[in-house]
Amino acid sequence: MVRYSEENERLADKSRCAGVRADLKLCLLESDCCKIHKRTPRECLLTGDETVPYECHILRNTFFECKRSIVDGRRRFRGPRGY
């Protein structure tokens, strides 16, 4: 998932969804939409550009579910589905 250049390097953000956010950010920045077309990651997601890989869309959905699990009070007590 997240690739670090040094062995002991860690994310500065310690929130629950920080890892997924970092993965989504790297995925979008490495896509052709950002590299070749020079768009921002937000523009790439909002326009639905075909050059954005399917993995980035999966990470976006995972990030959404992570954020939703923080807000949903019932889910906080019951835990994630399927467990």
PDB file of N, CA and C in Angstrom:
ATOM      1  N   MET A   1       0.817  -1.181   0.000  1.00  0.00           N
ATOM      2  CA  MET A   1       0.000   0.000   0.000  1.00  0.00           C
ATOM      3  C   MET A   1       0.868   1.255   0.000  1.00  0.00           C
ATOM      4  N   VAL A   2       1.078   1.862   1.171  1.00  0.00           N
ATOM      5  CA  VAL A   2       1.869   3.082   1.231  1.00  0.00           C
ATOM      6  C   VAL A   2       3.337   2.714   1.111  1.00  0.00           C
ATOM      7  N   ARG A   3       4.041   3.395   0.209  1.00  0.00           N
ATOM      8  CA  ARG A   3       5.454   3.121   0.006  1.00  0.00           C
ATOM      9  C   ARG A   3       6.276   4.212   0.672  1.00  0.00           C
ATOM     10  N   TYR A   4       7.198   3.806   1.516  1.00  0.00           N
ATOM     11  CA  TYR A   4       8.057   4.751   2.217  1.00  0.00           C
ATOM     12  C   TYR A   4       9.458   4.691   1.621  1.00  0.00           C
ATOM     13  N   SER A   5      10.111   5.854   1.558  1.00  0.00           N
ATOM     14  CA  SER A   5      11.460   5.883   1.003  1.00  0.00           C
ATOM     15  C   SER A   5      12.496   5.435   2.029  1.00  0.00           C
ATOM     16  N   GLU A   6      12.253   5.718   3.293  1.00  0.00           N
ATOM     17  CA  GLU A   6      13.155   5.279   4.345  1.00  0.00           C
ATOM     18  C   GLU A   6      12.455   4.243   5.207  1.00  0.00           C
ATOM     19  N   GLU A   7      13.248   3.435   5.880  1.00  0.00           N
ATOM     20  CA  GLU A   7      12.694   2.311   6.628  1.00  0.00           C
ATOM     21  C   GLU A   7      11.846   2.741   7.814  1.00  0.00           C
ATOM     22  N   ASN A   8      12.267   3.744   8.575  1.00  0.00           N
ATOM     23  CA  ASN A   8      11.546   4.151   9.788  1.00  0.00           C
ATOM     24  C   ASN A   8      10.606   5.319   9.558  1.00  0.00           C
ATOM     25  N   GLU A   9      10.338   5.661   8.326  1.00  0.00           N
ATOM     26  CA  GLU A   9       9.455   6.778   8.013  1.00  0.00           C
ATOM     27  C   GLU A   9       7.997   6.371   8.215  1.00  0.00           C
ATOM     28  N   ARG A  10       7.219   7.273   8.833  1.00  0.00           N
ATOM     29  CA  ARG A  10       5.810   7.005   9.109  1.00  0.00           C
ATOM     30  C   ARG A  10       4.981   8.215   8.723  1.00  0.00           C
ATOM     31  N   LEU A  11       3.672   8.013   8.640  1.00  0.00           N
ATOM     32  CA  LEU A  11       2.759   9.110   8.334  1.00  0.00           C
ATOM     33  C   LEU A  11       2.666  10.068   9.514  1.00  0.00           C
ATOM     34  N   ALA A  12       2.609  11.351   9.232  1.00  0.00           N
ATOM     35  CA  ALA A  12       2.440  12.346  10.290  1.00  0.00           C
ATOM     36  C   ALA A  12       1.007  12.342  10.795  1.00  0.00           C
ATOM     37  N   ASP A  13       0.065  12.009   9.925  1.00  0.00           N
ATOM     38  CA  ASP A  13      -1.345  11.951  10.284  1.00  0.00           C
ATOM     39  C   ASP A  13      -1.626  10.645  11.009  1.00  0.00           C
ATOM     40  N   LYS A  14      -2.160  10.729  12.213  1.00  0.00           N
ATOM     41  CA  LYS A  14      -2.432   9.536  13.021  1.00  0.00           C
ATOM     42  C   LYS A  14      -3.914   9.185  13.096  1.00  0.00           C
ATOM     43  N   SER A  15      -4.742   9.782  12.229  1.00  0.00           N
ATOM     44  CA  SER A  15      -6.173   9.502  12.270  1.00  0.00           C
ATOM     45  C   SER A  15      -6.462   8.085  11.765  1.00  0.00           C
ATOM     46  N   ARG A  16      -7.683   7.632  11.960  1.00  0.00           N
ATOM     47  CA  ARG A  16      -8.044   6.249  11.631  1.00  0.00           C
ATOM     48  C   ARG A  16      -7.925   5.934  10.149  1.00  0.00           C
ATOM     49  N   CYS A  17      -8.241   6.865   9.296  1.00  0.00           N
ATOM     50  CA  CYS A  17      -8.266   6.609   7.856  1.00  0.00           C
ATOM     51  C   CYS A  17      -7.046   7.172   7.135  1.00  0.00           C
ATOM     52  N   ALA A  18      -5.997   7.483   7.860  1.00  0.00           N
ATOM     53  CA  ALA A  18      -4.828   8.137   7.270  1.00  0.00           C
ATOM     54  C   ALA A  18      -4.135   7.250   6.240  1.00  0.00           C
ATOM     55  N   GLY A  19      -4.035   5.965   6.488  1.00  0.00           N
ATOM     56  CA  GLY A  19      -3.374   5.067   5.556  1.00  0.00           C
ATOM     57  C   GLY A  19      -4.100   4.954   4.228  1.00  0.00           C
ATOM     58  N   VAL A  20      -5.412   4.845   4.307  1.00  0.00           N
ATOM     59  CA  VAL A  20      -6.218   4.747   3.093  1.00  0.00           C
ATOM     60  C   VAL A  20      -6.162   6.069   2.327  1.00  0.00           C
ATOM     61  N   ARG A  21      -6.184   7.186   3.047  1.00  0.00           N
ATOM     62  CA  ARG A  21      -6.096   8.494   2.411  1.00  0.00           C
ATOM     63  C   ARG A  21      -4.765   8.647   1.670  1.00  0.00           C
ATOM     64  N   ALA A  22      -3.678   8.215   2.307  1.00  0.00           N
ATOM     65  CA  ALA A  22      -2.360   8.310   1.678  1.00  0.00           C
ATOM     66  C   ALA A  22      -2.276   7.419   0.438  1.00  0.00           C
ATOM     67  N   ASP A  23      -2.853   6.219   0.523  1.00  0.00           N
ATOM     68  CA  ASP A  23      -2.864   5.317  -0.638  1.00  0.00           C
ATOM     69  C   ASP A  23      -3.648   5.916  -1.798  1.00  0.00           C
ATOM     70  N   LEU A  24      -4.803   6.503  -1.494  1.00  0.00           N
ATOM     71  CA  LEU A  24      -5.622   7.136  -2.526  1.00  0.00           C
ATOM     72  C   LEU A  24      -4.885   8.311  -3.160  1.00  0.00           C
ATOM     73  N   LYS A  25      -4.238   9.094  -2.332  1.00  0.00           N
ATOM     74  CA  LYS A  25      -3.498  10.245  -2.828  1.00  0.00           C
ATOM     75  C   LYS A  25      -2.372   9.816  -3.771  1.00  0.00           C
ATOM     76  N   LEU A  26      -1.596   8.803  -3.373  1.00  0.00           N
ATOM     77  CA  LEU A  26      -0.507   8.315  -4.226  1.00  0.00           C
ATOM     78  C   LEU A  26      -1.033   7.707  -5.514  1.00  0.00           C
ATOM     79  N   CYS A  27      -2.114   6.974  -5.423  1.00  0.00           N
ATOM     80  CA  CYS A  27      -2.698   6.349  -6.610  1.00  0.00           C
ATOM     81  C   CYS A  27      -3.128   7.405  -7.618  1.00  0.00           C
ATOM     82  N   LEU A  28      -3.773   8.457  -7.126  1.00  0.00           N
ATOM     83  CA  LEU A  28      -4.233   9.517  -8.022  1.00  0.00           C
ATOM     84  C   LEU A  28      -3.072  10.316  -8.601  1.00  0.00           C
ATOM     85  N   LEU A  29      -2.068  10.596  -7.789  1.00  0.00           N
ATOM     86  CA  LEU A  29      -0.931  11.369  -8.276  1.00  0.00           C
ATOM     87  C   LEU A  29      -0.106  10.613  -9.308  1.00  0.00           C
ATOM     88  N   GLU A  30      -0.130   9.286  -9.248  1.00  0.00           N
ATOM     89  CA  GLU A  30       0.615   8.476 -10.213  1.00  0.00           C
ATOM     90  C   GLU A  30      -0.210   8.134 -11.456  1.00  0.00           C
ATOM     91  N   SER A  31      -1.469   8.538 -11.478  1.00  0.00           N
ATOM     92  CA  SER A  31      -2.320   8.236 -12.633  1.00  0.00           C
ATOM     93  C   SER A  31      -1.995   9.160 -13.798  1.00  0.00           C
ATOM     94  N   ASP A  32      -2.399   8.752 -14.998  1.00  0.00           N
ATOM     95  CA  ASP A  32      -2.174   9.567 -16.193  1.00  0.00           C
ATOM     96  C   ASP A  32      -2.966  10.872 -16.138  1.00  0.00           C
ATOM     97  N   CYS A  33      -4.057  10.870 -15.439  1.00  0.00           N
ATOM     98  CA  CYS A  33      -4.881  12.067 -15.332  1.00  0.00           C
ATOM     99  C   CYS A  33      -4.080  13.208 -14.697  1.00  0.00           C
ATOM    100  N   CYS A  34      -3.335  12.918 -13.645  1.00  0.00           N
ATOM    101  CA  CYS A  34      -2.531  13.952 -12.983  1.00  0.00           C
ATOM    102  C   CYS A  34      -1.212  14.189 -13.699  1.00  0.00           C
ATOM    103  N   LYS A  35      -0.583  13.128 -14.165  1.00  0.00           N
ATOM    104  CA  LYS A  35       0.735  13.268 -14.785  1.00  0.00           C
ATOM    105  C   LYS A  35       0.673  13.898 -16.164  1.00  0.00           C
ATOM    106  N   ILE A  36      -0.152  13.360 -17.034  1.00  0.00           N
ATOM    107  CA  ILE A  36      -0.171  13.796 -18.426  1.00  0.00           C
ATOM    108  C   ILE A  36      -1.107  14.983 -18.636  1.00  0.00           C
ATOM    109  N   HIS A  37      -2.330  14.887 -18.093  1.00  0.00           N
ATOM    110  CA  HIS A  37      -3.335  15.927 -18.319  1.00  0.00           C
ATOM    111  C   HIS A  37      -3.192  17.106 -17.355  1.00  0.00           C
ATOM    112  N   LYS A  38      -2.307  16.976 -16.353  1.00  0.00           N
ATOM    113  CA  LYS A  38      -2.010  18.054 -15.394  1.00  0.00           C
ATOM    114  C   LYS A  38      -3.239  18.541 -14.642  1.00  0.00           C
ATOM    115  N   ARG A  39      -4.070  17.610 -14.206  1.00  0.00           N
ATOM    116  CA  ARG A  39      -5.243  17.950 -13.401  1.00  0.00           C
ATOM    117  C   ARG A  39      -4.951  17.649 -11.942  1.00  0.00           C
ATOM    118  N   THR A  40      -5.727  18.237 -11.070  1.00  0.00           N
ATOM    119  CA  THR A  40      -5.600  17.927  -9.655  1.00  0.00           C
ATOM    120  C   THR A  40      -6.284  16.588  -9.381  1.00  0.00           C
ATOM    121  N   PRO A  41      -5.909  15.910  -8.307  1.00  0.00           N
ATOM    122  CA  PRO A  41      -6.585  14.646  -7.976  1.00  0.00           C
ATOM    123  C   PRO A  41      -8.086  14.806  -7.791  1.00  0.00           C
ATOM    124  N   ARG A  42      -8.506  15.920  -7.225  1.00  0.00           N
ATOM    125  CA  ARG A  42      -9.941  16.163  -7.039  1.00  0.00           C
ATOM    126  C   ARG A  42     -10.659  16.260  -8.385  1.00  0.00           C
ATOM    127  N   GLU A  43     -10.059  16.983  -9.328  1.00  0.00           N
ATOM    128  CA  GLU A  43     -10.661  17.108 -10.653  1.00  0.00           C
ATOM    129  C   GLU A  43     -10.758  15.748 -11.341  1.00  0.00           C
ATOM    130  N   CYS A  44      -9.735  14.920 -11.158  1.00  0.00           N
ATOM    131  CA  CYS A  44      -9.747  13.592 -11.780  1.00  0.00           C
ATOM    132  C   CYS A  44     -10.896  12.744 -11.248  1.00  0.00           C
ATOM    133  N   LEU A  45     -11.142  12.807  -9.945  1.00  0.00           N
ATOM    134  CA  LEU A  45     -12.228  12.020  -9.360  1.00  0.00           C
ATOM    135  C   LEU A  45     -13.598  12.578  -9.730  1.00  0.00           C
ATOM    136  N   LEU A  46     -13.732  13.895  -9.733  1.00  0.00           N
ATOM    137  CA  LEU A  46     -15.037  14.504 -10.005  1.00  0.00           C
ATOM    138  C   LEU A  46     -15.456  14.399 -11.464  1.00  0.00           C
ATOM    139  N   THR A  47     -14.499  14.446 -12.379  1.00  0.00           N
ATOM    140  CA  THR A  47     -14.857  14.378 -13.795  1.00  0.00           C
ATOM    141  C   THR A  47     -15.083  12.949 -14.259  1.00  0.00           C
ATOM    142  N   GLY A  48     -14.616  11.966 -13.490  1.00  0.00           N
ATOM    143  CA  GLY A  48     -14.791  10.575 -13.894  1.00  0.00           C
ATOM    144  C   GLY A  48     -13.915  10.217 -15.081  1.00  0.00           C
ATOM    145  N   ASP A  49     -12.717  10.746 -15.100  1.00  0.00           N
ATOM    146  CA  ASP A  49     -11.789  10.532 -16.210  1.00  0.00           C
ATOM    147  C   ASP A  49     -11.459   9.046 -16.349  1.00  0.00           C
ATOM    148  N   GLU A  50     -11.382   8.565 -17.604  1.00  0.00           N
ATOM    149  CA  GLU A  50     -11.103   7.150 -17.864  1.00  0.00           C
ATOM    150  C   GLU A  50      -9.653   6.783 -17.577  1.00  0.00           C
ATOM    151  N   THR A  51      -8.768   7.778 -17.475  1.00  0.00           N
ATOM    152  CA  THR A  51      -7.360   7.471 -17.233  1.00  0.00           C
ATOM    153  C   THR A  51      -7.065   7.171 -15.770  1.00  0.00           C
ATOM    154  N   VAL A  52      -8.043   7.367 -14.893  1.00  0.00           N
ATOM    155  CA  VAL A  52      -7.869   7.026 -13.482  1.00  0.00           C
ATOM    156  C   VAL A  52      -8.039   5.517 -13.337  1.00  0.00           C
ATOM    157  N   PRO A  53      -7.058   4.819 -12.771  1.00  0.00           N
ATOM    158  CA  PRO A  53      -7.162   3.357 -12.647  1.00  0.00           C
ATOM    159  C   PRO A  53      -8.322   2.923 -11.747  1.00  0.00           C
ATOM    160  N   TYR A  54      -8.759   1.709 -11.973  1.00  0.00           N
ATOM    161  CA  TYR A  54      -9.855   1.132 -11.189  1.00  0.00           C
ATOM    162  C   TYR A  54      -9.462   1.023  -9.716  1.00  0.00           C
ATOM    163  N   GLU A  55      -8.175   0.796  -9.441  1.00  0.00           N
ATOM    164  CA  GLU A  55      -7.691   0.694  -8.060  1.00  0.00           C
ATOM    165  C   GLU A  55      -7.972   1.977  -7.282  1.00  0.00           C
ATOM    166  N   CYS A  56      -7.848   3.117  -7.953  1.00  0.00           N
ATOM    167  CA  CYS A  56      -8.103   4.393  -7.285  1.00  0.00           C
ATOM    168  C   CYS A  56      -9.580   4.530  -6.913  1.00  0.00           C
ATOM    169  N   HIS A  57     -10.455   4.039  -7.759  1.00  0.00           N
ATOM    170  CA  HIS A  57     -11.888   4.091  -7.448  1.00  0.00           C
ATOM    171  C   HIS A  57     -12.215   3.161  -6.275  1.00  0.00           C
ATOM    172  N   ILE A  58     -11.542   2.032  -6.207  1.00  0.00           N
ATOM    173  CA  ILE A  58     -11.737   1.123  -5.075  1.00  0.00           C
ATOM    174  C   ILE A  58     -11.233   1.771  -3.783  1.00  0.00           C
ATOM    175  N   LEU A  59     -10.068   2.430  -3.856  1.00  0.00           N
ATOM    176  CA  LEU A  59      -9.533   3.118  -2.682  1.00  0.00           C
ATOM    177  C   LEU A  59     -10.436   4.266  -2.255  1.00  0.00           C
ATOM    178  N   ARG A  60     -11.055   4.944  -3.200  1.00  0.00           N
ATOM    179  CA  ARG A  60     -11.980   6.026  -2.871  1.00  0.00           C
ATOM    180  C   ARG A  60     -13.179   5.479  -2.110  1.00  0.00           C
ATOM    181  N   ASN A  61     -13.702   4.360  -2.548  1.00  0.00           N
ATOM    182  CA  ASN A  61     -14.833   3.736  -1.864  1.00  0.00           C
ATOM    183  C   ASN A  61     -14.415   3.247  -0.471  1.00  0.00           C
ATOM    184  N   THR A  62     -13.224   2.690  -0.361  1.00  0.00           N
ATOM    185  CA  THR A  62     -12.726   2.234   0.937  1.00  0.00           C
ATOM    186  C   THR A  62     -12.560   3.410   1.890  1.00  0.00           C
ATOM    187  N   PHE A  63     -12.045   4.527   1.389  1.00  0.00           N
ATOM    188  CA  PHE A  63     -11.888   5.728   2.209  1.00  0.00           C
ATOM    189  C   PHE A  63     -13.250   6.245   2.666  1.00  0.00           C
ATOM    190  N   PHE A  64     -14.236   6.230   1.762  1.00  0.00           N
ATOM    191  CA  PHE A  64     -15.586   6.653   2.115  1.00  0.00           C
ATOM    192  C   PHE A  64     -16.154   5.768   3.224  1.00  0.00           C
ATOM    193  N   GLU A  65     -15.994   4.461   3.094  1.00  0.00           N
ATOM    194  CA  GLU A  65     -16.517   3.539   4.107  1.00  0.00           C
ATOM    195  C   GLU A  65     -15.807   3.736   5.447  1.00  0.00           C
ATOM    196  N   CYS A  66     -14.521   4.025   5.409  1.00  0.00           N
ATOM    197  CA  CYS A  66     -13.777   4.268   6.638  1.00  0.00           C
ATOM    198  C   CYS A  66     -14.295   5.515   7.346  1.00  0.00           C
ATOM    199  N   LYS A  67     -14.494   6.589   6.591  1.00  0.00           N
ATOM    200  CA  LYS A  67     -15.009   7.821   7.179  1.00  0.00           C
ATOM    201  C   LYS A  67     -16.438   7.637   7.694  1.00  0.00           C
ATOM    202  N   ARG A  68     -17.230   6.883   6.965  1.00  0.00           N
ATOM    203  CA  ARG A  68     -18.613   6.648   7.382  1.00  0.00           C
ATOM    204  C   ARG A  68     -18.662   5.833   8.669  1.00  0.00           C
ATOM    205  N   SER A  69     -17.739   4.903   8.832  1.00  0.00           N
ATOM    206  CA  SER A  69     -17.732   4.085  10.043  1.00  0.00           C
ATOM    207  C   SER A  69     -17.400   4.919  11.278  1.00  0.00           C
ATOM    208  N   ILE A  70     -16.699   6.021  11.096  1.00  0.00           N
ATOM    209  CA  ILE A  70     -16.394   6.906  12.223  1.00  0.00           C
ATOM    210  C   ILE A  70     -17.654   7.629  12.677  1.00  0.00           C
ATOM    211  N   VAL A  71     -18.480   8.036  11.721  1.00  0.00           N
ATOM    212  CA  VAL A  71     -19.663   8.834  12.014  1.00  0.00           C
ATOM    213  C   VAL A  71     -20.825   7.977  12.502  1.00  0.00           C
ATOM    214  N   ASP A  72     -20.986   6.781  11.956  1.00  0.00           N
ATOM    215  CA  ASP A  72     -22.123   5.919  12.259  1.00  0.00           C
ATOM    216  C   ASP A  72     -22.023   5.388  13.692  1.00  0.00           C
ATOM    217  N   GLY A  73     -22.920   5.848  14.550  1.00  0.00           N
ATOM    218  CA  GLY A  73     -22.886   5.446  15.956  1.00  0.00           C
ATOM    219  C   GLY A  73     -23.173   3.979  16.180  1.00  0.00           C
ATOM    220  N   ARG A  74     -24.112   3.408  15.449  1.00  0.00           N
ATOM    221  CA  ARG A  74     -24.429   1.990  15.617  1.00  0.00           C
ATOM    222  C   ARG A  74     -23.248   1.121  15.230  1.00  0.00           C
ATOM    223  N   ARG A  75     -22.572   1.517  14.190  1.00  0.00           N
ATOM    224  CA  ARG A  75     -21.445   0.712  13.710  1.00  0.00           C
ATOM    225  C   ARG A  75     -20.270   0.756  14.685  1.00  0.00           C
ATOM    226  N   ARG A  76     -20.145   1.849  15.400  1.00  0.00           N
ATOM    227  CA  ARG A  76     -19.063   1.946  16.388  1.00  0.00           C
ATOM    228  C   ARG A  76     -19.230   0.886  17.464  1.00  0.00           C
ATOM    229  N   PHE A  77     -20.475   0.603  17.859  1.00  0.00           N
ATOM    230  CA  PHE A  77     -20.704  -0.375  18.909  1.00  0.00           C
ATOM    231  C   PHE A  77     -20.707  -1.791  18.373  1.00  0.00           C
ATOM    232  N   ARG A  78     -21.248  -2.002  17.199  1.00  0.00           N
ATOM    233  CA  ARG A  78     -21.373  -3.343  16.631  1.00  0.00           C
ATOM    234  C   ARG A  78     -20.110  -3.811  15.937  1.00  0.00           C
ATOM    235  N   GLY A  79     -19.307  -2.903  15.454  1.00  0.00           N
ATOM    236  CA  GLY A  79     -18.117  -3.264  14.698  1.00  0.00           C
ATOM    237  C   GLY A  79     -18.434  -3.393  13.228  1.00  0.00           C
ATOM    238  N   PRO A  80     -17.401  -3.658  12.421  1.00  0.00           N
ATOM    239  CA  PRO A  80     -17.623  -3.789  10.971  1.00  0.00           C
ATOM    240  C   PRO A  80     -18.497  -4.989  10.643  1.00  0.00           C
ATOM    241  N   ARG A  81     -19.212  -4.892   9.527  1.00  0.00           N
ATOM    242  CA  ARG A  81     -20.082  -5.998   9.111  1.00  0.00           C
ATOM    243  C   ARG A  81     -19.271  -7.234   8.764  1.00  0.00           C
ATOM    244  N   GLY A  82     -19.845  -8.377   9.022  1.00  0.00           N
ATOM    245  CA  GLY A  82     -19.216  -9.634   8.664  1.00  0.00           C
ATOM    246  C   GLY A  82     -18.316 -10.226   9.732  1.00  0.00           C
ATOM    247  N   TYR A  83     -18.205  -9.567  10.891  1.00  0.00           N
ATOM    248  CA  TYR A  83     -17.339 -10.102  11.950  1.00  0.00           C
ATOM    249  C   TYR A  83     -18.140 -10.507  13.142  1.00  0.00           C
TER     250      TYR A  83
END
